[in-house]
Amino acid sequence: MDRTIRPRLNSVSNLGELNGLLGRDAEAEAYHRQALAARTRVLGALHARTLQSQKCLAVSLVSQRRFAEAEPLAAAGVQNGTQALGERDLDVLSLQDARALALIGLQRAGEAEKLLRSTLNVLEDRKAKGEDSGEEGLANLVRVHLGMALAGQHRWPEAESLLVTCVPQLPQREAETRRAIRFVVDFYDAWNRAEPDPTRMARAEEWRRRPESAQAASASR
């Protein structure tokens, strides 16, 4: 293999991730499609880097609400990754998380909940057995998505407990974090419509102001 190929593929993938962090989802999708096609051709469908690109592309599609495209893509990645790397591998767990997020978008929140709880159990077991390699960020993201799955089933108090604890732990100034904050706003609005309560209206407004507060704090530094 040409020694320049892998660095070029990594650069394309990095550009995709950067655009995703900035919320430029269409641009991120284009880069991740390019990286996935090239990595599949050069490294094979079962390689860890290929699976990473598959996950990133699925997340880009979810961000654009193209859930019906994202779900089978992530599911295929889980199948390939389990075959090649085992079900406890972090890339496989990340793909499982991406698939669950697509299922939530498809209004199949019960299925998503099962996948997310299974993923979280594996992450917690890895940590307990000393296999943890700094994936607490993934575990927190899985908990956020579990909160979303519970919200999709109108299990309001359970969802609230996870969302208000875990969303603030997401990386600041990333597009995914902003989307999660908007989800919490919509969550309180939906809960209030189902069970009117002025405190929920106040919580929705508080979360609605969070991006503005974060921007102001960043500007003052």
N, C-alpha and C. Protein backbone atom coordinates (compact mmCIF):
# COMPACT_ATOMS: atom_id res chain seq x y z
N MET A 1 0.84 -1.20 0.00
CA MET A 1 0.00 0.00 0.00
C MET A 1 0.88 1.25 0.00
N ASP A 2 0.47 2.21 -0.81
CA ASP A 2 1.16 3.51 -0.84
C ASP A 2 1.11 4.12 0.56
N ARG A 3 2.29 4.49 1.10
CA ARG A 3 2.34 5.01 2.47
C ARG A 3 1.62 6.35 2.61
N THR A 4 1.33 7.00 1.51
CA THR A 4 0.63 8.29 1.58
C THR A 4 -0.88 8.13 1.62
N ILE A 5 -1.38 6.91 1.35
CA ILE A 5 -2.83 6.73 1.25
C ILE A 5 -3.51 6.90 2.60
N ARG A 6 -3.01 6.21 3.63
CA ARG A 6 -3.66 6.29 4.94
C ARG A 6 -3.69 7.71 5.50
N PRO A 7 -2.56 8.45 5.45
CA PRO A 7 -2.64 9.85 5.92
C PRO A 7 -3.67 10.66 5.16
N ARG A 8 -3.79 10.44 3.84
CA ARG A 8 -4.79 11.18 3.07
C ARG A 8 -6.21 10.82 3.52
N LEU A 9 -6.43 9.53 3.75
CA LEU A 9 -7.75 9.09 4.21
C LEU A 9 -8.06 9.68 5.58
N ASN A 10 -7.06 9.69 6.46
CA ASN A 10 -7.27 10.27 7.79
C ASN A 10 -7.60 11.76 7.69
N SER A 11 -6.96 12.46 6.77
CA SER A 11 -7.23 13.89 6.60
C SER A 11 -8.66 14.12 6.14
N VAL A 12 -9.12 13.30 5.20
CA VAL A 12 -10.51 13.43 4.73
C VAL A 12 -11.47 13.18 5.88
N SER A 13 -11.20 12.12 6.66
CA SER A 13 -12.06 11.81 7.81
C SER A 13 -12.05 12.94 8.83
N ASN A 14 -10.87 13.50 9.09
CA ASN A 14 -10.76 14.60 10.05
C ASN A 14 -11.56 15.82 9.60
N LEU A 15 -11.54 16.08 8.30
CA LEU A 15 -12.34 17.20 7.77
C LEU A 15 -13.82 16.95 7.98
N GLY A 16 -14.23 15.70 7.80
CA GLY A 16 -15.62 15.36 8.06
C GLY A 16 -16.00 15.59 9.51
N GLU A 17 -15.13 15.16 10.42
CA GLU A 17 -15.42 15.33 11.84
C GLU A 17 -15.44 16.81 12.23
N LEU A 18 -14.53 17.60 11.68
CA LEU A 18 -14.51 19.02 11.98
C LEU A 18 -15.79 19.69 11.51
N ASN A 19 -16.24 19.39 10.29
CA ASN A 19 -17.49 19.97 9.80
C ASN A 19 -18.67 19.52 10.64
N GLY A 20 -18.64 18.28 11.12
CA GLY A 20 -19.71 17.80 11.99
C GLY A 20 -19.75 18.56 13.30
N LEU A 21 -18.58 18.81 13.89
CA LEU A 21 -18.51 19.57 15.14
C LEU A 21 -19.07 20.97 14.98
N LEU A 22 -18.89 21.53 13.79
CA LEU A 22 -19.36 22.89 13.51
C LEU A 22 -20.81 22.94 13.05
N GLY A 23 -21.43 21.76 12.90
CA GLY A 23 -22.83 21.72 12.47
C GLY A 23 -23.01 21.82 10.98
N ARG A 24 -21.95 21.66 10.20
CA ARG A 24 -22.05 21.67 8.74
C ARG A 24 -22.27 20.24 8.28
N ASP A 25 -23.49 19.78 8.45
CA ASP A 25 -23.77 18.35 8.31
C ASP A 25 -23.66 17.85 6.88
N ALA A 26 -24.10 18.64 5.91
CA ALA A 26 -24.00 18.20 4.51
C ALA A 26 -22.55 18.06 4.09
N GLU A 27 -21.71 19.02 4.50
CA GLU A 27 -20.29 18.94 4.18
C GLU A 27 -19.65 17.75 4.89
N ALA A 28 -20.04 17.53 6.16
CA ALA A 28 -19.51 16.38 6.90
C ALA A 28 -19.89 15.08 6.20
N GLU A 29 -21.13 14.99 5.77
CA GLU A 29 -21.58 13.79 5.07
C GLU A 29 -20.72 13.50 3.84
N ALA A 30 -20.45 14.54 3.05
CA ALA A 30 -19.67 14.35 1.82
C ALA A 30 -18.27 13.80 2.14
N TYR A 31 -17.63 14.36 3.15
CA TYR A 31 -16.29 13.88 3.51
C TYR A 31 -16.34 12.45 4.04
N HIS A 32 -17.34 12.15 4.87
CA HIS A 32 -17.43 10.81 5.45
C HIS A 32 -17.77 9.77 4.38
N ARG A 33 -18.57 10.14 3.40
CA ARG A 33 -18.85 9.21 2.29
C ARG A 33 -17.56 8.91 1.52
N GLN A 34 -16.78 9.95 1.28
CA GLN A 34 -15.52 9.78 0.57
C GLN A 34 -14.58 8.88 1.36
N ALA A 35 -14.46 9.14 2.67
CA ALA A 35 -13.57 8.35 3.52
C ALA A 35 -14.05 6.90 3.60
N LEU A 36 -15.36 6.69 3.75
CA LEU A 36 -15.89 5.33 3.87
C LEU A 36 -15.64 4.53 2.59
N ALA A 37 -15.90 5.15 1.45
CA ALA A 37 -15.69 4.44 0.18
C ALA A 37 -14.22 4.06 0.01
N ALA A 38 -13.33 5.02 0.31
CA ALA A 38 -11.90 4.75 0.13
C ALA A 38 -11.39 3.73 1.14
N ARG A 39 -11.81 3.85 2.39
CA ARG A 39 -11.34 2.90 3.40
C ARG A 39 -11.87 1.50 3.13
N THR A 40 -13.11 1.40 2.65
CA THR A 40 -13.65 0.08 2.31
C THR A 40 -12.82 -0.55 1.19
N ARG A 41 -12.45 0.25 0.21
CA ARG A 41 -11.67 -0.25 -0.92
C ARG A 41 -10.24 -0.61 -0.49
N VAL A 42 -9.62 0.23 0.33
CA VAL A 42 -8.20 0.05 0.66
C VAL A 42 -8.01 -0.87 1.86
N LEU A 43 -8.84 -0.72 2.89
CA LEU A 43 -8.65 -1.45 4.15
C LEU A 43 -9.60 -2.63 4.32
N GLY A 44 -10.75 -2.57 3.62
CA GLY A 44 -11.74 -3.62 3.78
C GLY A 44 -12.87 -3.19 4.70
N ALA A 45 -14.02 -3.85 4.54
CA ALA A 45 -15.22 -3.46 5.28
C ALA A 45 -15.13 -3.74 6.77
N LEU A 46 -14.21 -4.64 7.18
CA LEU A 46 -14.14 -5.04 8.59
C LEU A 46 -13.06 -4.31 9.38
N HIS A 47 -12.36 -3.39 8.74
CA HIS A 47 -11.29 -2.67 9.42
C HIS A 47 -11.87 -1.62 10.37
N ALA A 48 -11.19 -1.39 11.49
CA ALA A 48 -11.67 -0.45 12.51
C ALA A 48 -11.86 0.95 11.94
N ARG A 49 -10.93 1.41 11.08
CA ARG A 49 -11.05 2.75 10.49
C ARG A 49 -12.29 2.84 9.59
N THR A 50 -12.56 1.77 8.86
CA THR A 50 -13.75 1.75 8.01
C THR A 50 -15.01 1.85 8.86
N LEU A 51 -15.03 1.13 9.96
CA LEU A 51 -16.19 1.16 10.85
C LEU A 51 -16.37 2.55 11.47
N GLN A 52 -15.25 3.21 11.77
CA GLN A 52 -15.35 4.58 12.29
C GLN A 52 -16.01 5.51 11.28
N SER A 53 -15.61 5.37 10.02
CA SER A 53 -16.22 6.20 8.97
C SER A 53 -17.70 5.88 8.81
N GLN A 54 -18.05 4.61 8.95
CA GLN A 54 -19.44 4.20 8.84
C GLN A 54 -20.27 4.84 9.95
N LYS A 55 -19.72 4.85 11.15
CA LYS A 55 -20.41 5.48 12.27
C LYS A 55 -20.56 6.98 12.06
N CYS A 56 -19.49 7.62 11.63
CA CYS A 56 -19.53 9.07 11.41
C CYS A 56 -20.54 9.44 10.33
N LEU A 57 -20.62 8.65 9.27
CA LEU A 57 -21.59 8.92 8.22
C LEU A 57 -23.01 8.73 8.74
N ALA A 58 -23.23 7.69 9.54
CA ALA A 58 -24.56 7.47 10.11
C ALA A 58 -24.98 8.65 10.99
N VAL A 59 -24.05 9.15 11.79
CA VAL A 59 -24.36 10.29 12.67
C VAL A 59 -24.67 11.53 11.83
N SER A 60 -23.93 11.74 10.74
CA SER A 60 -24.20 12.88 9.87
C SER A 60 -25.60 12.79 9.28
N LEU A 61 -26.02 11.59 8.91
CA LEU A 61 -27.37 11.40 8.36
C LEU A 61 -28.43 11.65 9.43
N VAL A 62 -28.18 11.18 10.65
CA VAL A 62 -29.11 11.44 11.75
C VAL A 62 -29.25 12.93 11.98
N SER A 63 -28.14 13.65 11.94
CA SER A 63 -28.16 15.10 12.16
C SER A 63 -29.01 15.82 11.13
N GLN A 64 -29.14 15.20 9.95
CA GLN A 64 -29.97 15.76 8.90
C GLN A 64 -31.37 15.14 8.88
N ARG A 65 -31.68 14.37 9.94
CA ARG A 65 -32.99 13.74 10.11
C ARG A 65 -33.27 12.72 9.01
N ARG A 66 -32.24 12.13 8.47
CA ARG A 66 -32.39 11.08 7.45
C ARG A 66 -32.23 9.73 8.15
N PHE A 67 -33.19 9.49 9.05
CA PHE A 67 -33.08 8.35 9.94
C PHE A 67 -33.18 7.01 9.21
N ALA A 68 -34.03 6.95 8.17
CA ALA A 68 -34.22 5.69 7.44
C ALA A 68 -32.97 5.28 6.68
N GLU A 69 -32.10 6.23 6.35
CA GLU A 69 -30.82 5.91 5.73
C GLU A 69 -29.78 5.54 6.78
N ALA A 70 -29.83 6.23 7.91
CA ALA A 70 -28.80 6.05 8.93
C ALA A 70 -28.92 4.69 9.63
N GLU A 71 -30.15 4.24 9.89
CA GLU A 71 -30.33 3.03 10.71
C GLU A 71 -29.73 1.78 10.07
N PRO A 72 -30.04 1.47 8.80
CA PRO A 72 -29.43 0.25 8.23
C PRO A 72 -27.92 0.37 8.03
N LEU A 73 -27.43 1.59 7.79
CA LEU A 73 -25.99 1.79 7.67
C LEU A 73 -25.29 1.45 8.97
N ALA A 74 -25.82 1.98 10.09
CA ALA A 74 -25.23 1.69 11.40
C ALA A 74 -25.40 0.22 11.77
N ALA A 75 -26.55 -0.37 11.45
CA ALA A 75 -26.79 -1.78 11.76
C ALA A 75 -25.81 -2.68 11.02
N ALA A 76 -25.53 -2.36 9.76
CA ALA A 76 -24.55 -3.13 9.00
C ALA A 76 -23.16 -3.00 9.62
N GLY A 77 -22.84 -1.80 10.09
CA GLY A 77 -21.56 -1.59 10.75
C GLY A 77 -21.44 -2.40 12.03
N VAL A 78 -22.53 -2.46 12.80
CA VAL A 78 -22.52 -3.27 14.03
C VAL A 78 -22.27 -4.73 13.69
N GLN A 79 -22.94 -5.22 12.65
CA GLN A 79 -22.77 -6.62 12.25
C GLN A 79 -21.34 -6.90 11.82
N ASN A 80 -20.79 -6.05 10.97
CA ASN A 80 -19.41 -6.24 10.52
C ASN A 80 -18.42 -6.11 11.66
N GLY A 81 -18.64 -5.10 12.51
CA GLY A 81 -17.72 -4.88 13.62
C GLY A 81 -17.74 -6.01 14.64
N THR A 82 -18.92 -6.53 14.92
CA THR A 82 -19.02 -7.65 15.86
C THR A 82 -18.28 -8.85 15.32
N GLN A 83 -18.41 -9.08 14.03
CA GLN A 83 -17.71 -10.20 13.39
C GLN A 83 -16.20 -10.03 13.45
N ALA A 84 -15.73 -8.81 13.21
CA ALA A 84 -14.28 -8.59 13.11
C ALA A 84 -13.62 -8.29 14.44
N LEU A 85 -14.30 -7.54 15.30
CA LEU A 85 -13.67 -7.00 16.50
C LEU A 85 -14.30 -7.45 17.81
N GLY A 86 -15.51 -7.99 17.73
CA GLY A 86 -16.22 -8.41 18.94
C GLY A 86 -17.18 -7.35 19.42
N GLU A 87 -18.20 -7.77 20.15
CA GLU A 87 -19.27 -6.85 20.54
C GLU A 87 -18.86 -5.86 21.61
N ARG A 88 -17.69 -6.07 22.26
CA ARG A 88 -17.24 -5.16 23.31
C ARG A 88 -16.32 -4.07 22.78
N ASP A 89 -15.99 -4.11 21.49
CA ASP A 89 -15.10 -3.12 20.91
C ASP A 89 -15.76 -1.74 20.92
N LEU A 90 -14.96 -0.70 21.15
CA LEU A 90 -15.52 0.66 21.26
C LEU A 90 -16.14 1.15 19.96
N ASP A 91 -15.53 0.79 18.81
CA ASP A 91 -16.11 1.20 17.54
C ASP A 91 -17.48 0.55 17.34
N VAL A 92 -17.60 -0.69 17.74
CA VAL A 92 -18.89 -1.39 17.63
C VAL A 92 -19.92 -0.74 18.56
N LEU A 93 -19.51 -0.40 19.76
CA LEU A 93 -20.42 0.24 20.71
C LEU A 93 -20.85 1.62 20.20
N SER A 94 -19.93 2.34 19.57
CA SER A 94 -20.27 3.65 19.00
C SER A 94 -21.28 3.50 17.87
N LEU A 95 -21.11 2.48 17.04
CA LEU A 95 -22.06 2.21 15.97
C LEU A 95 -23.43 1.83 16.54
N GLN A 96 -23.42 1.06 17.62
CA GLN A 96 -24.69 0.69 18.26
C GLN A 96 -25.41 1.94 18.78
N ASP A 97 -24.65 2.86 19.33
CA ASP A 97 -25.22 4.11 19.80
C ASP A 97 -25.81 4.92 18.64
N ALA A 98 -25.08 4.97 17.53
CA ALA A 98 -25.58 5.70 16.35
C ALA A 98 -26.86 5.06 15.82
N ARG A 99 -26.90 3.74 15.81
CA ARG A 99 -28.11 3.04 15.36
C ARG A 99 -29.29 3.38 16.28
N ALA A 100 -29.05 3.37 17.58
CA ALA A 100 -30.13 3.69 18.52
C ALA A 100 -30.66 5.09 18.30
N LEU A 101 -29.76 6.04 18.01
CA LEU A 101 -30.19 7.42 17.77
C LEU A 101 -31.08 7.49 16.53
N ALA A 102 -30.74 6.71 15.50
CA ALA A 102 -31.59 6.66 14.32
C ALA A 102 -32.95 6.05 14.64
N LEU A 103 -32.96 5.02 15.48
CA LEU A 103 -34.22 4.38 15.86
C LEU A 103 -35.12 5.36 16.62
N ILE A 104 -34.53 6.20 17.45
CA ILE A 104 -35.32 7.21 18.15
C ILE A 104 -35.99 8.13 17.13
N GLY A 105 -35.22 8.55 16.11
CA GLY A 105 -35.78 9.39 15.07
C GLY A 105 -36.89 8.71 14.29
N LEU A 106 -36.81 7.38 14.18
CA LEU A 106 -37.84 6.61 13.48
C LEU A 106 -39.03 6.28 14.38
N GLN A 107 -39.03 6.84 15.59
CA GLN A 107 -40.08 6.62 16.58
C GLN A 107 -40.16 5.16 17.01
N ARG A 108 -39.00 4.55 17.11
CA ARG A 108 -38.88 3.18 17.62
C ARG A 108 -38.06 3.22 18.91
N ALA A 109 -38.56 4.05 19.84
CA ALA A 109 -37.80 4.36 21.05
C ALA A 109 -37.61 3.14 21.95
N GLY A 110 -38.57 2.22 21.95
CA GLY A 110 -38.43 1.03 22.78
C GLY A 110 -37.26 0.17 22.33
N GLU A 111 -37.09 0.01 21.01
CA GLU A 111 -35.95 -0.72 20.48
C GLU A 111 -34.65 0.00 20.81
N ALA A 112 -34.68 1.32 20.66
CA ALA A 112 -33.48 2.10 20.96
C ALA A 112 -33.08 1.94 22.42
N GLU A 113 -34.05 1.96 23.31
CA GLU A 113 -33.76 1.82 24.74
C GLU A 113 -33.01 0.52 25.03
N LYS A 114 -33.46 -0.58 24.43
CA LYS A 114 -32.81 -1.87 24.66
C LYS A 114 -31.35 -1.84 24.20
N LEU A 115 -31.12 -1.27 23.01
CA LEU A 115 -29.75 -1.19 22.50
C LEU A 115 -28.87 -0.32 23.39
N LEU A 116 -29.41 0.80 23.84
CA LEU A 116 -28.63 1.73 24.66
C LEU A 116 -28.32 1.15 26.03
N ARG A 117 -29.28 0.47 26.63
CA ARG A 117 -29.01 -0.14 27.94
C ARG A 117 -27.97 -1.24 27.80
N SER A 118 -28.05 -2.03 26.72
CA SER A 118 -27.05 -3.06 26.49
C SER A 118 -25.67 -2.45 26.28
N THR A 119 -25.60 -1.37 25.50
CA THR A 119 -24.34 -0.69 25.25
C THR A 119 -23.75 -0.13 26.54
N LEU A 120 -24.61 0.48 27.35
CA LEU A 120 -24.15 1.06 28.60
C LEU A 120 -23.65 -0.02 29.56
N ASN A 121 -24.33 -1.17 29.57
CA ASN A 121 -23.89 -2.28 30.43
C ASN A 121 -22.49 -2.75 30.04
N VAL A 122 -22.23 -2.84 28.74
CA VAL A 122 -20.91 -3.27 28.29
C VAL A 122 -19.85 -2.24 28.68
N LEU A 123 -20.16 -0.96 28.49
CA LEU A 123 -19.21 0.10 28.86
C LEU A 123 -18.90 0.07 30.36
N GLU A 124 -19.93 -0.13 31.16
CA GLU A 124 -19.72 -0.18 32.61
C GLU A 124 -18.93 -1.42 33.01
N ASP A 125 -19.17 -2.54 32.32
CA ASP A 125 -18.43 -3.77 32.61
C ASP A 125 -16.96 -3.62 32.20
N ARG A 126 -16.73 -2.97 31.04
CA ARG A 126 -15.35 -2.71 30.63
C ARG A 126 -14.61 -1.91 31.70
N LYS A 127 -15.28 -0.90 32.22
CA LYS A 127 -14.65 -0.06 33.23
C LYS A 127 -14.38 -0.84 34.51
N ALA A 128 -15.34 -1.67 34.91
CA ALA A 128 -15.18 -2.45 36.14
C ALA A 128 -14.04 -3.45 36.03
N LYS A 129 -13.79 -3.94 34.80
CA LYS A 129 -12.73 -4.93 34.59
C LYS A 129 -11.40 -4.29 34.21
N GLY A 130 -11.32 -2.97 34.31
CA GLY A 130 -10.07 -2.30 34.00
C GLY A 130 -9.78 -2.17 32.53
N GLU A 131 -10.79 -2.39 31.70
CA GLU A 131 -10.61 -2.24 30.25
C GLU A 131 -10.89 -0.82 29.79
N ASP A 132 -11.30 0.02 30.70
CA ASP A 132 -11.65 1.39 30.35
C ASP A 132 -10.44 2.12 29.79
N SER A 133 -10.61 2.70 28.61
CA SER A 133 -9.51 3.45 27.99
C SER A 133 -9.93 4.89 27.74
N GLY A 134 -10.65 5.47 28.70
CA GLY A 134 -11.05 6.86 28.57
C GLY A 134 -12.32 7.06 27.78
N GLU A 135 -13.20 6.04 27.76
CA GLU A 135 -14.42 6.17 26.97
C GLU A 135 -15.60 6.72 27.77
N GLU A 136 -15.34 7.39 28.89
CA GLU A 136 -16.43 7.94 29.69
C GLU A 136 -17.27 8.91 28.87
N GLY A 137 -16.63 9.60 27.92
CA GLY A 137 -17.39 10.50 27.05
C GLY A 137 -18.45 9.75 26.26
N LEU A 138 -18.10 8.56 25.76
CA LEU A 138 -19.08 7.73 25.04
C LEU A 138 -20.18 7.28 25.98
N ALA A 139 -19.83 6.87 27.18
CA ALA A 139 -20.84 6.43 28.14
C ALA A 139 -21.82 7.56 28.46
N ASN A 140 -21.31 8.78 28.62
CA ASN A 140 -22.19 9.91 28.90
C ASN A 140 -23.12 10.19 27.72
N LEU A 141 -22.57 10.08 26.50
CA LEU A 141 -23.39 10.29 25.30
C LEU A 141 -24.49 9.24 25.21
N VAL A 142 -24.15 7.99 25.53
CA VAL A 142 -25.16 6.92 25.52
C VAL A 142 -26.26 7.23 26.53
N ARG A 143 -25.88 7.77 27.69
CA ARG A 143 -26.89 8.11 28.70
C ARG A 143 -27.81 9.23 28.21
N VAL A 144 -27.23 10.21 27.50
CA VAL A 144 -28.06 11.27 26.92
C VAL A 144 -29.07 10.67 25.95
N HIS A 145 -28.60 9.79 25.09
CA HIS A 145 -29.49 9.18 24.11
C HIS A 145 -30.51 8.27 24.77
N LEU A 146 -30.13 7.62 25.88
CA LEU A 146 -31.10 6.84 26.63
C LEU A 146 -32.20 7.74 27.17
N GLY A 147 -31.81 8.92 27.66
CA GLY A 147 -32.82 9.88 28.11
C GLY A 147 -33.76 10.26 26.98
N MET A 148 -33.22 10.42 25.77
CA MET A 148 -34.06 10.74 24.61
C MET A 148 -35.02 9.59 24.30
N ALA A 149 -34.53 8.36 24.41
CA ALA A 149 -35.38 7.20 24.15
C ALA A 149 -36.51 7.11 25.18
N LEU A 150 -36.21 7.40 26.43
CA LEU A 150 -37.25 7.39 27.46
C LEU A 150 -38.26 8.51 27.23
N ALA A 151 -37.77 9.67 26.79
CA ALA A 151 -38.67 10.77 26.47
C ALA A 151 -39.60 10.38 25.34
N GLY A 152 -39.08 9.63 24.36
CA GLY A 152 -39.90 9.18 23.24
C GLY A 152 -41.00 8.23 23.66
N GLN A 153 -40.87 7.66 24.86
CA GLN A 153 -41.90 6.78 25.40
C GLN A 153 -42.74 7.49 26.47
N HIS A 154 -42.55 8.80 26.59
CA HIS A 154 -43.27 9.64 27.55
C HIS A 154 -43.02 9.19 28.99
N ARG A 155 -41.84 8.68 29.23
CA ARG A 155 -41.44 8.32 30.60
C ARG A 155 -40.66 9.52 31.14
N TRP A 156 -41.44 10.56 31.40
CA TRP A 156 -40.89 11.89 31.65
C TRP A 156 -39.89 11.97 32.79
N PRO A 157 -40.24 11.52 34.03
CA PRO A 157 -39.28 11.69 35.14
C PRO A 157 -37.97 10.94 34.92
N GLU A 158 -38.05 9.72 34.35
CA GLU A 158 -36.82 8.96 34.08
C GLU A 158 -35.95 9.70 33.07
N ALA A 159 -36.60 10.20 32.03
CA ALA A 159 -35.86 10.93 30.99
C ALA A 159 -35.22 12.19 31.56
N GLU A 160 -35.97 12.92 32.36
CA GLU A 160 -35.46 14.17 32.92
C GLU A 160 -34.21 13.93 33.74
N SER A 161 -34.22 12.88 34.56
CA SER A 161 -33.08 12.61 35.43
C SER A 161 -31.80 12.43 34.62
N LEU A 162 -31.88 11.70 33.53
CA LEU A 162 -30.70 11.47 32.69
C LEU A 162 -30.30 12.73 31.93
N LEU A 163 -31.28 13.40 31.34
CA LEU A 163 -30.97 14.55 30.48
C LEU A 163 -30.33 15.69 31.25
N VAL A 164 -30.92 16.04 32.40
CA VAL A 164 -30.40 17.21 33.12
C VAL A 164 -29.05 16.92 33.75
N THR A 165 -28.74 15.64 33.98
CA THR A 165 -27.45 15.28 34.54
C THR A 165 -26.37 15.17 33.48
N CYS A 166 -26.72 14.58 32.33
CA CYS A 166 -25.71 14.20 31.34
C CYS A 166 -25.49 15.23 30.23
N VAL A 167 -26.53 15.96 29.83
CA VAL A 167 -26.34 16.94 28.76
C VAL A 167 -25.31 18.00 29.15
N PRO A 168 -25.32 18.52 30.39
CA PRO A 168 -24.29 19.52 30.74
C PRO A 168 -22.86 18.98 30.70
N GLN A 169 -22.69 17.67 30.68
CA GLN A 169 -21.35 17.08 30.63
C GLN A 169 -20.83 16.90 29.20
N LEU A 170 -21.68 17.17 28.20
CA LEU A 170 -21.23 17.08 26.81
C LEU A 170 -20.25 18.20 26.52
N PRO A 171 -19.36 17.99 25.53
CA PRO A 171 -18.39 19.05 25.18
C PRO A 171 -19.09 20.33 24.77
N GLN A 172 -18.63 21.45 25.29
CA GLN A 172 -19.23 22.74 24.96
C GLN A 172 -18.87 23.15 23.53
N ARG A 173 -19.71 23.99 22.97
CA ARG A 173 -19.48 24.61 21.66
C ARG A 173 -19.41 23.60 20.52
N GLU A 174 -20.06 22.45 20.69
CA GLU A 174 -20.16 21.48 19.60
C GLU A 174 -21.61 21.41 19.14
N ALA A 175 -21.80 21.13 17.86
CA ALA A 175 -23.14 21.11 17.29
C ALA A 175 -24.02 20.06 17.96
N GLU A 176 -23.42 18.90 18.27
CA GLU A 176 -24.20 17.84 18.92
C GLU A 176 -24.71 18.28 20.28
N THR A 177 -23.91 19.06 21.00
CA THR A 177 -24.35 19.57 22.30
C THR A 177 -25.50 20.55 22.13
N ARG A 178 -25.42 21.42 21.12
CA ARG A 178 -26.51 22.36 20.88
C ARG A 178 -27.80 21.63 20.53
N ARG A 179 -27.67 20.56 19.75
CA ARG A 179 -28.87 19.78 19.42
C ARG A 179 -29.46 19.13 20.66
N ALA A 180 -28.59 18.65 21.54
CA ALA A 180 -29.08 18.03 22.78
C ALA A 180 -29.81 19.04 23.66
N ILE A 181 -29.28 20.25 23.71
CA ILE A 181 -29.94 21.31 24.50
C ILE A 181 -31.30 21.63 23.91
N ARG A 182 -31.38 21.73 22.58
CA ARG A 182 -32.69 21.97 21.95
C ARG A 182 -33.66 20.83 22.24
N PHE A 183 -33.12 19.61 22.30
CA PHE A 183 -33.98 18.47 22.64
C PHE A 183 -34.57 18.64 24.03
N VAL A 184 -33.75 19.07 24.99
CA VAL A 184 -34.25 19.25 26.36
C VAL A 184 -35.34 20.32 26.39
N VAL A 185 -35.17 21.41 25.65
CA VAL A 185 -36.21 22.44 25.56
C VAL A 185 -37.50 21.83 25.05
N ASP A 186 -37.41 21.08 23.94
CA ASP A 186 -38.60 20.46 23.36
C ASP A 186 -39.20 19.43 24.31
N PHE A 187 -38.32 18.75 25.04
CA PHE A 187 -38.78 17.76 26.02
C PHE A 187 -39.66 18.41 27.08
N TYR A 188 -39.20 19.52 27.66
CA TYR A 188 -40.00 20.19 28.69
C TYR A 188 -41.29 20.76 28.10
N ASP A 189 -41.22 21.27 26.87
CA ASP A 189 -42.43 21.79 26.23
C ASP A 189 -43.46 20.67 26.03
N ALA A 190 -42.99 19.50 25.57
CA ALA A 190 -43.90 18.37 25.34
C ALA A 190 -44.47 17.86 26.66
N TRP A 191 -43.63 17.78 27.69
CA TRP A 191 -44.09 17.32 29.00
C TRP A 191 -45.13 18.28 29.56
N ASN A 192 -44.89 19.55 29.38
CA ASN A 192 -45.83 20.55 29.89
C ASN A 192 -47.17 20.49 29.15
N ARG A 193 -47.12 20.20 27.84
CA ARG A 193 -48.38 20.05 27.10
C ARG A 193 -49.16 18.84 27.59
N ALA A 194 -48.43 17.76 27.91
CA ALA A 194 -49.09 16.55 28.39
C ALA A 194 -49.58 16.69 29.83
N GLU A 195 -48.77 17.36 30.66
CA GLU A 195 -49.09 17.53 32.08
C GLU A 195 -48.72 18.97 32.45
N PRO A 196 -49.63 19.92 32.21
CA PRO A 196 -49.29 21.34 32.42
C PRO A 196 -48.77 21.63 33.83
N ASP A 197 -47.67 22.36 33.87
CA ASP A 197 -47.04 22.71 35.14
C ASP A 197 -46.14 23.92 34.88
N PRO A 198 -46.36 25.04 35.58
CA PRO A 198 -45.54 26.23 35.33
C PRO A 198 -44.04 26.00 35.52
N THR A 199 -43.66 25.09 36.40
CA THR A 199 -42.24 24.86 36.62
C THR A 199 -41.57 24.27 35.38
N ARG A 200 -42.34 23.50 34.61
CA ARG A 200 -41.77 22.93 33.38
C ARG A 200 -41.58 24.01 32.32
N MET A 201 -42.50 24.97 32.30
CA MET A 201 -42.34 26.10 31.38
C MET A 201 -41.08 26.88 31.73
N ALA A 202 -40.85 27.05 33.04
CA ALA A 202 -39.66 27.78 33.48
C ALA A 202 -38.39 27.02 33.14
N ARG A 203 -38.42 25.69 33.28
CA ARG A 203 -37.24 24.89 32.95
C ARG A 203 -36.95 24.94 31.45
N ALA A 204 -38.01 24.90 30.65
CA ALA A 204 -37.81 25.01 29.20
C ALA A 204 -37.14 26.34 28.85
N GLU A 205 -37.58 27.40 29.49
CA GLU A 205 -37.01 28.72 29.20
C GLU A 205 -35.55 28.79 29.66
N GLU A 206 -35.28 28.19 30.80
CA GLU A 206 -33.90 28.17 31.30
C GLU A 206 -32.98 27.46 30.30
N TRP A 207 -33.38 26.31 29.80
CA TRP A 207 -32.57 25.57 28.84
C TRP A 207 -32.49 26.30 27.51
N ARG A 208 -33.54 27.02 27.16
CA ARG A 208 -33.54 27.78 25.91
C ARG A 208 -32.46 28.86 25.93
N ARG A 209 -32.17 29.39 27.12
CA ARG A 209 -31.16 30.45 27.25
C ARG A 209 -29.74 29.93 27.35
N ARG A 210 -29.57 28.64 27.52
CA ARG A 210 -28.22 28.10 27.76
C ARG A 210 -27.24 28.38 26.63
N PRO A 211 -27.60 28.18 25.36
CA PRO A 211 -26.62 28.49 24.31
C PRO A 211 -26.17 29.94 24.32
N GLU A 212 -27.11 30.87 24.62
CA GLU A 212 -26.76 32.28 24.68
C GLU A 212 -25.79 32.55 25.83
N SER A 213 -26.03 31.90 26.98
CA SER A 213 -25.15 32.08 28.13
C SER A 213 -23.75 31.55 27.84
N ALA A 214 -23.70 30.40 27.14
CA ALA A 214 -22.41 29.81 26.81
C ALA A 214 -21.63 30.71 25.85
N GLN A 215 -22.33 31.29 24.86
CA GLN A 215 -21.67 32.18 23.93
C GLN A 215 -21.15 33.43 24.63
N ALA A 216 -21.94 33.98 25.55
CA ALA A 216 -21.51 35.16 26.28
C ALA A 216 -20.28 34.87 27.13
N ALA A 217 -20.28 33.70 27.78
CA ALA A 217 -19.14 33.33 28.63
C ALA A 217 -17.89 33.15 27.78
N SER A 218 -18.07 32.52 26.58
CA SER A 218 -16.93 32.31 25.69
C SER A 218 -16.37 33.64 25.19
N ALA A 219 -17.25 34.59 24.88
CA ALA A 219 -16.82 35.88 24.35
C ALA A 219 -16.07 36.70 25.39
N SER A 220 -16.39 36.49 26.66
CA SER A 220 -15.77 37.28 27.72
C SER A 220 -14.38 36.78 28.09
N ARG A 221 -13.98 35.60 27.58
CA ARG A 221 -12.67 35.05 27.94
C ARG A 221 -11.55 35.71 27.17
